[in-house]
Every structure is written in structure tokens, then in C-alpha cells.
Amino acid sequence: GEEISRRLGISRTAIWKAVDALRR
């Protein structure tokens, strides 16, 4: 999650929401 946050410039919360949306 840290690497995703660093490379995309988004928060860990935004990552979690994105992953949840992808699963849906």
C-alpha cells in the first residue's frame, strides 16, 4: 500500500476504496 500511495500520489484510504470498488 505504501508503494501504491507513493507512485500514484493517493492516500491509503483512497487505495482501500479503489480496491473495494474493483472487487465489486
PDB file of all heavy atoms in Angstrom:
ATOM      1  N   GLY A   1       0.820  -1.199   0.000  1.00  0.00           N
ATOM      2  CA  GLY A   1       0.000   0.000   0.000  1.00  0.00           C
ATOM      3  C   GLY A   1       0.855   1.250   0.000  1.00  0.00           C
ATOM      4  O   GLY A   1       0.520   2.257  -0.627  1.00  0.00           O
ATOM      5  N   GLU A   2       2.000   1.183   0.713  1.00  0.00           N
ATOM      6  CA  GLU A   2       2.914   2.333   0.753  1.00  0.00           C
ATOM      7  C   GLU A   2       3.453   2.642  -0.635  1.00  0.00           C
ATOM      8  O   GLU A   2       3.544   3.811  -1.039  1.00  0.00           O
ATOM      9  CB  GLU A   2       4.062   2.028   1.711  1.00  0.00           C
ATOM     10  CG  GLU A   2       5.039   3.183   1.855  1.00  0.00           C
ATOM     11  CD  GLU A   2       6.181   2.843   2.809  1.00  0.00           C
ATOM     12  OE1 GLU A   2       6.189   1.715   3.346  1.00  0.00           O
ATOM     13  OE2 GLU A   2       7.042   3.716   3.003  1.00  0.00           O
ATOM     14  N   GLU A   3       3.801   1.600  -1.396  1.00  0.00           N
ATOM     15  CA  GLU A   3       4.340   1.806  -2.732  1.00  0.00           C
ATOM     16  C   GLU A   3       3.269   2.350  -3.677  1.00  0.00           C
ATOM     17  O   GLU A   3       3.541   3.241  -4.489  1.00  0.00           O
ATOM     18  CB  GLU A   3       4.888   0.482  -3.279  1.00  0.00           C
ATOM     19  CG  GLU A   3       5.454   0.545  -4.677  1.00  0.00           C
ATOM     20  CD  GLU A   3       6.723   1.394  -4.782  1.00  0.00           C
ATOM     21  OE1 GLU A   3       7.269   1.803  -3.740  1.00  0.00           O
ATOM     22  OE2 GLU A   3       7.161   1.645  -5.924  1.00  0.00           O
ATOM     23  N   ILE A   4       2.058   1.829  -3.556  1.00  0.00           N
ATOM     24  CA  ILE A   4       0.961   2.346  -4.386  1.00  0.00           C
ATOM     25  C   ILE A   4       0.721   3.820  -4.076  1.00  0.00           C
ATOM     26  O   ILE A   4       0.559   4.649  -4.979  1.00  0.00           O
ATOM     27  CB  ILE A   4      -0.331   1.524  -4.145  1.00  0.00           C
ATOM     28  CG1 ILE A   4      -0.145   0.073  -4.589  1.00  0.00           C
ATOM     29  CG2 ILE A   4      -1.510   2.157  -4.888  1.00  0.00           C
ATOM     30  CD1 ILE A   4      -1.316  -0.829  -4.231  1.00  0.00           C
ATOM     31  N   SER A   5       0.715   4.131  -2.780  1.00  0.00           N
ATOM     32  CA  SER A   5       0.488   5.513  -2.362  1.00  0.00           C
ATOM     33  C   SER A   5       1.567   6.435  -2.914  1.00  0.00           C
ATOM     34  O   SER A   5       1.271   7.526  -3.418  1.00  0.00           O
ATOM     35  CB  SER A   5       0.460   5.585  -0.839  1.00  0.00           C
ATOM     36  OG  SER A   5       0.281   6.920  -0.401  1.00  0.00           O
ATOM     37  N   ARG A   6       2.808   5.970  -2.843  1.00  0.00           N
ATOM     38  CA  ARG A   6       3.928   6.792  -3.319  1.00  0.00           C
ATOM     39  C   ARG A   6       3.861   6.997  -4.830  1.00  0.00           C
ATOM     40  O   ARG A   6       4.049   8.110  -5.330  1.00  0.00           O
ATOM     41  CB  ARG A   6       5.245   6.120  -2.949  1.00  0.00           C
ATOM     42  CG  ARG A   6       6.485   6.960  -3.292  1.00  0.00           C
ATOM     43  CD  ARG A   6       7.761   6.194  -3.054  1.00  0.00           C
ATOM     44  NE  ARG A   6       7.889   5.053  -3.955  1.00  0.00           N
ATOM     45  CZ  ARG A   6       8.297   5.150  -5.217  1.00  0.00           C
ATOM     46  NH1 ARG A   6       8.592   6.342  -5.737  1.00  0.00           N
ATOM     47  NH2 ARG A   6       8.392   4.088  -5.970  1.00  0.00           N
ATOM     48  N   ARG A   7       3.579   5.925  -5.573  1.00  0.00           N
ATOM     49  CA  ARG A   7       3.618   6.004  -7.032  1.00  0.00           C
ATOM     50  C   ARG A   7       2.413   6.729  -7.621  1.00  0.00           C
ATOM     51  O   ARG A   7       2.529   7.377  -8.670  1.00  0.00           O
ATOM     52  CB  ARG A   7       3.737   4.597  -7.630  1.00  0.00           C
ATOM     53  CG  ARG A   7       5.104   3.974  -7.341  1.00  0.00           C
ATOM     54  CD  ARG A   7       5.183   2.513  -7.735  1.00  0.00           C
ATOM     55  NE  ARG A   7       4.984   2.298  -9.159  1.00  0.00           N
ATOM     56  CZ  ARG A   7       5.093   1.114  -9.750  1.00  0.00           C
ATOM     57  NH1 ARG A   7       5.392   0.037  -9.017  1.00  0.00           N
ATOM     58  NH2 ARG A   7       4.913   0.989 -11.052  1.00  0.00           N
ATOM     59  N   LEU A   8       1.271   6.632  -6.959  1.00  0.00           N
ATOM     60  CA  LEU A   8       0.071   7.264  -7.507  1.00  0.00           C
ATOM     61  C   LEU A   8      -0.277   8.579  -6.830  1.00  0.00           C
ATOM     62  O   LEU A   8      -1.133   9.321  -7.312  1.00  0.00           O
ATOM     63  CB  LEU A   8      -1.120   6.308  -7.400  1.00  0.00           C
ATOM     64  CG  LEU A   8      -0.999   4.975  -8.158  1.00  0.00           C
ATOM     65  CD1 LEU A   8      -2.285   4.168  -8.006  1.00  0.00           C
ATOM     66  CD2 LEU A   8      -0.705   5.209  -9.637  1.00  0.00           C
ATOM     67  N   GLY A   9       0.351   8.853  -5.698  1.00  0.00           N
ATOM     68  CA  GLY A   9       0.069  10.101  -5.000  1.00  0.00           C
ATOM     69  C   GLY A   9      -1.312  10.139  -4.389  1.00  0.00           C
ATOM     70  O   GLY A   9      -1.968  11.192  -4.376  1.00  0.00           O
ATOM     71  N   ILE A  10      -1.781   9.007  -3.885  1.00  0.00           N
ATOM     72  CA  ILE A  10      -3.095   8.946  -3.258  1.00  0.00           C
ATOM     73  C   ILE A  10      -2.947   8.359  -1.855  1.00  0.00           C
ATOM     74  O   ILE A  10      -1.950   7.707  -1.533  1.00  0.00           O
ATOM     75  CB  ILE A  10      -4.094   8.098  -4.073  1.00  0.00           C
ATOM     76  CG1 ILE A  10      -3.587   6.663  -4.253  1.00  0.00           C
ATOM     77  CG2 ILE A  10      -4.355   8.746  -5.430  1.00  0.00           C
ATOM     78  CD1 ILE A  10      -4.566   5.758  -4.994  1.00  0.00           C
ATOM     79  N   SER A  11      -3.964   8.569  -1.034  1.00  0.00           N
ATOM     80  CA  SER A  11      -3.900   8.119   0.355  1.00  0.00           C
ATOM     81  C   SER A  11      -4.182   6.625   0.467  1.00  0.00           C
ATOM     82  O   SER A  11      -4.726   6.002  -0.451  1.00  0.00           O
ATOM     83  CB  SER A  11      -4.926   8.892   1.198  1.00  0.00           C
ATOM     84  OG  SER A  11      -6.246   8.502   0.827  1.00  0.00           O
ATOM     85  N   ARG A  12      -3.835   6.042   1.630  1.00  0.00           N
ATOM     86  CA  ARG A  12      -4.119   4.630   1.864  1.00  0.00           C
ATOM     87  C   ARG A  12      -5.632   4.376   1.886  1.00  0.00           C
ATOM     88  O   ARG A  12      -6.101   3.314   1.460  1.00  0.00           O
ATOM     89  CB  ARG A  12      -3.485   4.188   3.186  1.00  0.00           C
ATOM     90  CG  ARG A  12      -1.971   4.411   3.255  1.00  0.00           C
ATOM     91  CD  ARG A  12      -1.237   3.455   2.339  1.00  0.00           C
ATOM     92  NE  ARG A  12      -1.189   2.119   2.909  1.00  0.00           N
ATOM     93  CZ  ARG A  12      -0.212   1.688   3.714  1.00  0.00           C
ATOM     94  NH1 ARG A  12       0.787   2.495   4.045  1.00  0.00           N
ATOM     95  NH2 ARG A  12      -0.202   0.456   4.176  1.00  0.00           N
ATOM     96  N   THR A  13      -6.384   5.366   2.358  1.00  0.00           N
ATOM     97  CA  THR A  13      -7.841   5.234   2.352  1.00  0.00           C
ATOM     98  C   THR A  13      -8.370   5.179   0.921  1.00  0.00           C
ATOM     99  O   THR A  13      -9.258   4.377   0.595  1.00  0.00           O
ATOM    100  CB  THR A  13      -8.497   6.413   3.100  1.00  0.00           C
ATOM    101  OG1 THR A  13      -8.045   6.423   4.450  1.00  0.00           O
ATOM    102  CG2 THR A  13     -10.017   6.307   3.061  1.00  0.00           C
ATOM    103  N   ALA A  14      -7.817   6.018   0.052  1.00  0.00           N
ATOM    104  CA  ALA A  14      -8.233   6.022  -1.352  1.00  0.00           C
ATOM    105  C   ALA A  14      -7.893   4.692  -2.018  1.00  0.00           C
ATOM    106  O   ALA A  14      -8.646   4.193  -2.856  1.00  0.00           O
ATOM    107  CB  ALA A  14      -7.567   7.173  -2.095  1.00  0.00           C
ATOM    108  N   ILE A  15      -6.759   4.104  -1.625  1.00  0.00           N
ATOM    109  CA  ILE A  15      -6.372   2.795  -2.173  1.00  0.00           C
ATOM    110  C   ILE A  15      -7.383   1.742  -1.749  1.00  0.00           C
ATOM    111  O   ILE A  15      -7.845   0.933  -2.560  1.00  0.00           O
ATOM    112  CB  ILE A  15      -4.965   2.405  -1.694  1.00  0.00           C
ATOM    113  CG1 ILE A  15      -3.926   3.386  -2.244  1.00  0.00           C
ATOM    114  CG2 ILE A  15      -4.627   0.973  -2.107  1.00  0.00           C
ATOM    115  CD1 ILE A  15      -2.556   3.227  -1.626  1.00  0.00           C
ATOM    116  N   TRP A  16      -7.729   1.746  -0.486  1.00  0.00           N
ATOM    117  CA  TRP A  16      -8.698   0.764   0.018  1.00  0.00           C
ATOM    118  C   TRP A  16     -10.029   0.904  -0.695  1.00  0.00           C
ATOM    119  O   TRP A  16     -10.642  -0.102  -1.085  1.00  0.00           O
ATOM    120  CB  TRP A  16      -8.880   0.953   1.523  1.00  0.00           C
ATOM    121  CG  TRP A  16      -9.843  -0.045   2.099  1.00  0.00           C
ATOM    122  CD1 TRP A  16      -9.569  -1.306   2.545  1.00  0.00           C
ATOM    123  CD2 TRP A  16     -11.251   0.141   2.253  1.00  0.00           C
ATOM    124  NE1 TRP A  16     -10.720  -1.927   2.973  1.00  0.00           N
ATOM    125  CE2 TRP A  16     -11.776  -1.058   2.801  1.00  0.00           C
ATOM    126  CE3 TRP A  16     -12.128   1.196   1.998  1.00  0.00           C
ATOM    127  CZ2 TRP A  16     -13.115  -1.231   3.086  1.00  0.00           C
ATOM    128  CZ3 TRP A  16     -13.479   1.032   2.276  1.00  0.00           C
ATOM    129  CH2 TRP A  16     -13.959  -0.173   2.821  1.00  0.00           C
ATOM    130  N   LYS A  17     -10.491   2.133  -0.893  1.00  0.00           N
ATOM    131  CA  LYS A  17     -11.759   2.358  -1.595  1.00  0.00           C
ATOM    132  C   LYS A  17     -11.674   1.891  -3.046  1.00  0.00           C
ATOM    133  O   LYS A  17     -12.633   1.321  -3.596  1.00  0.00           O
ATOM    134  CB  LYS A  17     -12.138   3.835  -1.540  1.00  0.00           C
ATOM    135  CG  LYS A  17     -12.578   4.302  -0.159  1.00  0.00           C
ATOM    136  CD  LYS A  17     -12.973   5.771  -0.174  1.00  0.00           C
ATOM    137  CE  LYS A  17     -13.447   6.235   1.213  1.00  0.00           C
ATOM    138  NZ  LYS A  17     -13.821   7.670   1.209  1.00  0.00           N
ATOM    139  N   ALA A  18     -10.517   2.133  -3.684  1.00  0.00           N
ATOM    140  CA  ALA A  18     -10.334   1.704  -5.074  1.00  0.00           C
ATOM    141  C   ALA A  18     -10.370   0.185  -5.178  1.00  0.00           C
ATOM    142  O   ALA A  18     -11.000  -0.380  -6.079  1.00  0.00           O
ATOM    143  CB  ALA A  18      -9.021   2.245  -5.633  1.00  0.00           C
ATOM    144  N   VAL A  19      -9.691  -0.500  -4.256  1.00  0.00           N
ATOM    145  CA  VAL A  19      -9.676  -1.963  -4.258  1.00  0.00           C
ATOM    146  C   VAL A  19     -11.075  -2.509  -4.012  1.00  0.00           C
ATOM    147  O   VAL A  19     -11.510  -3.477  -4.660  1.00  0.00           O
ATOM    148  CB  VAL A  19      -8.681  -2.490  -3.201  1.00  0.00           C
ATOM    149  CG1 VAL A  19      -8.866  -3.996  -3.003  1.00  0.00           C
ATOM    150  CG2 VAL A  19      -7.249  -2.179  -3.621  1.00  0.00           C
ATOM    151  N   ASP A  20     -11.800  -1.886  -3.097  1.00  0.00           N
ATOM    152  CA  ASP A  20     -13.170  -2.320  -2.815  1.00  0.00           C
ATOM    153  C   ASP A  20     -14.049  -2.158  -4.045  1.00  0.00           C
ATOM    154  O   ASP A  20     -14.872  -3.037  -4.365  1.00  0.00           O
ATOM    155  CB  ASP A  20     -13.729  -1.502  -1.655  1.00  0.00           C
ATOM    156  CG  ASP A  20     -15.125  -1.950  -1.245  1.00  0.00           C
ATOM    157  OD1 ASP A  20     -15.280  -3.125  -0.860  1.00  0.00           O
ATOM    158  OD2 ASP A  20     -16.061  -1.127  -1.333  1.00  0.00           O
ATOM    159  N   ALA A  21     -13.883  -1.053  -4.764  1.00  0.00           N
ATOM    160  CA  ALA A  21     -14.672  -0.822  -5.978  1.00  0.00           C
ATOM    161  C   ALA A  21     -14.333  -1.854  -7.050  1.00  0.00           C
ATOM    162  O   ALA A  21     -15.217  -2.356  -7.745  1.00  0.00           O
ATOM    163  CB  ALA A  21     -14.429   0.593  -6.503  1.00  0.00           C
ATOM    164  N   LEU A  22     -13.042  -2.175  -7.183  1.00  0.00           N
ATOM    165  CA  LEU A  22     -12.631  -3.185  -8.166  1.00  0.00           C
ATOM    166  C   LEU A  22     -13.234  -4.549  -7.841  1.00  0.00           C
ATOM    167  O   LEU A  22     -13.682  -5.274  -8.734  1.00  0.00           O
ATOM    168  CB  LEU A  22     -11.104  -3.277  -8.220  1.00  0.00           C
ATOM    169  CG  LEU A  22     -10.377  -2.071  -8.826  1.00  0.00           C
ATOM    170  CD1 LEU A  22      -8.879  -2.198  -8.624  1.00  0.00           C
ATOM    171  CD2 LEU A  22     -10.715  -1.936 -10.306  1.00  0.00           C
ATOM    172  N   ARG A  23     -13.247  -4.893  -6.580  1.00  0.00           N
ATOM    173  CA  ARG A  23     -13.842  -6.178  -6.185  1.00  0.00           C
ATOM    174  C   ARG A  23     -15.321  -6.219  -6.521  1.00  0.00           C
ATOM    175  O   ARG A  23     -15.835  -7.256  -6.964  1.00  0.00           O
ATOM    176  CB  ARG A  23     -13.620  -6.397  -4.682  1.00  0.00           C
ATOM    177  CG  ARG A  23     -12.178  -6.776  -4.331  1.00  0.00           C
ATOM    178  CD  ARG A  23     -11.971  -6.756  -2.838  1.00  0.00           C
ATOM    179  NE  ARG A  23     -10.648  -7.282  -2.468  1.00  0.00           N
ATOM    180  CZ  ARG A  23     -10.060  -7.058  -1.298  1.00  0.00           C
ATOM    181  NH1 ARG A  23     -10.679  -6.317  -0.379  1.00  0.00           N
ATOM    182  NH2 ARG A  23      -8.875  -7.572  -1.039  1.00  0.00           N
ATOM    183  N   ARG A  24     -16.009  -5.107  -6.325  1.00  0.00           N
ATOM    184  CA  ARG A  24     -17.435  -5.075  -6.643  1.00  0.00           C
ATOM    185  C   ARG A  24     -17.676  -5.176  -8.149  1.00  0.00           C
ATOM    186  O   ARG A  24     -18.760  -5.579  -8.580  1.00  0.00           O
ATOM    187  CB  ARG A  24     -18.074  -3.798  -6.076  1.00  0.00           C
ATOM    188  CG  ARG A  24     -18.303  -3.879  -4.568  1.00  0.00           C
ATOM    189  CD  ARG A  24     -19.074  -2.695  -4.023  1.00  0.00           C
ATOM    190  NE  ARG A  24     -18.202  -1.564  -3.699  1.00  0.00           N
ATOM    191  CZ  ARG A  24     -18.145  -0.441  -4.383  1.00  0.00           C
ATOM    192  NH1 ARG A  24     -18.912  -0.273  -5.436  1.00  0.00           N
ATOM    193  NH2 ARG A  24     -17.325   0.536  -4.025  1.00  0.00           N
TER     194      ARG A  24
END
